[in-house]
């Protein structure tokens, strides 16, 4: 279940700065936003970029994007 703020952050037609405390669901929302852009606007994968500040964050985001895609395939 998404909070109001998480739901608003999924509106990829607007630019956002996503800032929140650890464990608040930032990576979860960014993964969903990434996949929504990829699927809803028929954007090619090579035209998308996700920027993080650490290798650890990049790995977590990559894993969550892969999980989101896998979940959508299964559904």
Protein backbone atom coordinates (compact mmCIF):
# COMPACT_ATOMS: atom_id res chain seq x y z
CA UNK A 1 0.00 0.00 0.00
CA UNK A 2 1.40 3.36 -1.01
CA UNK A 3 1.20 6.51 1.08
CA UNK A 4 -0.19 9.70 -0.46
CA UNK A 5 3.34 11.05 -0.94
CA UNK A 6 4.57 7.82 -2.54
CA UNK A 7 1.59 7.84 -4.91
CA UNK A 8 2.33 11.45 -5.88
CA UNK A 9 5.98 10.55 -6.54
CA UNK A 10 4.86 7.96 -9.09
CA UNK A 11 3.56 10.76 -11.35
CA UNK A 12 6.52 10.66 -13.71
CA UNK A 13 5.15 13.46 -15.89
CA UNK A 14 6.67 15.87 -13.37
CA UNK A 15 10.21 16.14 -12.06
CA UNK A 16 10.77 15.29 -8.42
CA UNK A 17 13.39 15.40 -5.73
CA UNK A 18 12.77 12.39 -3.53
CA UNK A 19 14.12 13.01 -0.06
CA UNK A 20 13.10 11.02 3.01
CA UNK A 21 14.42 9.11 6.00
CA UNK A 22 16.02 5.69 5.70
CA UNK A 23 13.47 2.91 5.37
CA UNK A 24 10.69 5.19 4.14
CA UNK A 25 10.34 3.53 0.73
CA UNK A 26 12.37 5.81 -1.55
CA UNK A 27 13.97 2.97 -3.50
CA UNK A 28 10.63 1.16 -3.69
CA UNK A 29 8.97 4.24 -5.23
CA UNK A 30 11.87 4.95 -7.59
CA UNK A 31 11.79 1.37 -8.89
CA UNK A 32 8.06 1.60 -9.57
CA UNK A 33 8.50 5.00 -11.22
CA UNK A 34 11.29 3.64 -13.44
CA UNK A 35 9.20 0.67 -14.57
CA UNK A 36 6.11 2.85 -15.11
CA UNK A 37 8.10 5.10 -17.44
CA UNK A 38 9.53 2.10 -19.25
CA UNK A 39 6.18 0.42 -19.82
CA UNK A 40 3.59 3.21 -19.94
CA UNK A 41 5.42 5.52 -22.32
CA UNK A 42 7.06 2.77 -24.36
CA UNK A 43 10.49 4.26 -23.69
CA UNK A 44 13.49 2.20 -24.72
CA UNK A 45 15.59 0.97 -21.80
CA UNK A 46 18.75 2.58 -23.16
CA UNK A 47 17.02 5.97 -22.92
CA UNK A 48 16.43 5.75 -19.16
CA UNK A 49 18.88 6.54 -16.41
CA UNK A 50 18.72 6.24 -12.65
CA UNK A 51 21.34 8.05 -10.60
CA UNK A 52 22.30 7.14 -7.04
CA UNK A 53 25.04 8.34 -4.71
CA UNK A 54 26.54 4.98 -3.77
CA UNK A 55 27.22 1.61 -5.36
CA UNK A 56 25.14 0.00 -2.61
CA UNK A 57 22.13 2.19 -3.45
CA UNK A 58 22.58 1.43 -7.15
CA UNK A 59 22.59 -2.29 -6.42
CA UNK A 60 19.45 -2.02 -4.30
CA UNK A 61 17.67 0.02 -6.96
CA UNK A 62 18.70 -2.43 -9.68
CA UNK A 63 17.38 -5.34 -7.63
CA UNK A 64 14.06 -3.61 -6.92
CA UNK A 65 13.60 -2.69 -10.58
CA UNK A 66 14.23 -6.30 -11.57
CA UNK A 67 11.79 -7.52 -8.91
CA UNK A 68 9.13 -5.04 -10.06
CA UNK A 69 9.49 -6.20 -13.68
CA UNK A 70 9.36 -9.86 -12.61
CA UNK A 71 6.22 -9.22 -10.54
CA UNK A 72 4.48 -7.51 -13.45
CA UNK A 73 5.40 -10.35 -15.81
CA UNK A 74 3.91 -12.88 -13.42
CA UNK A 75 0.71 -10.85 -13.04
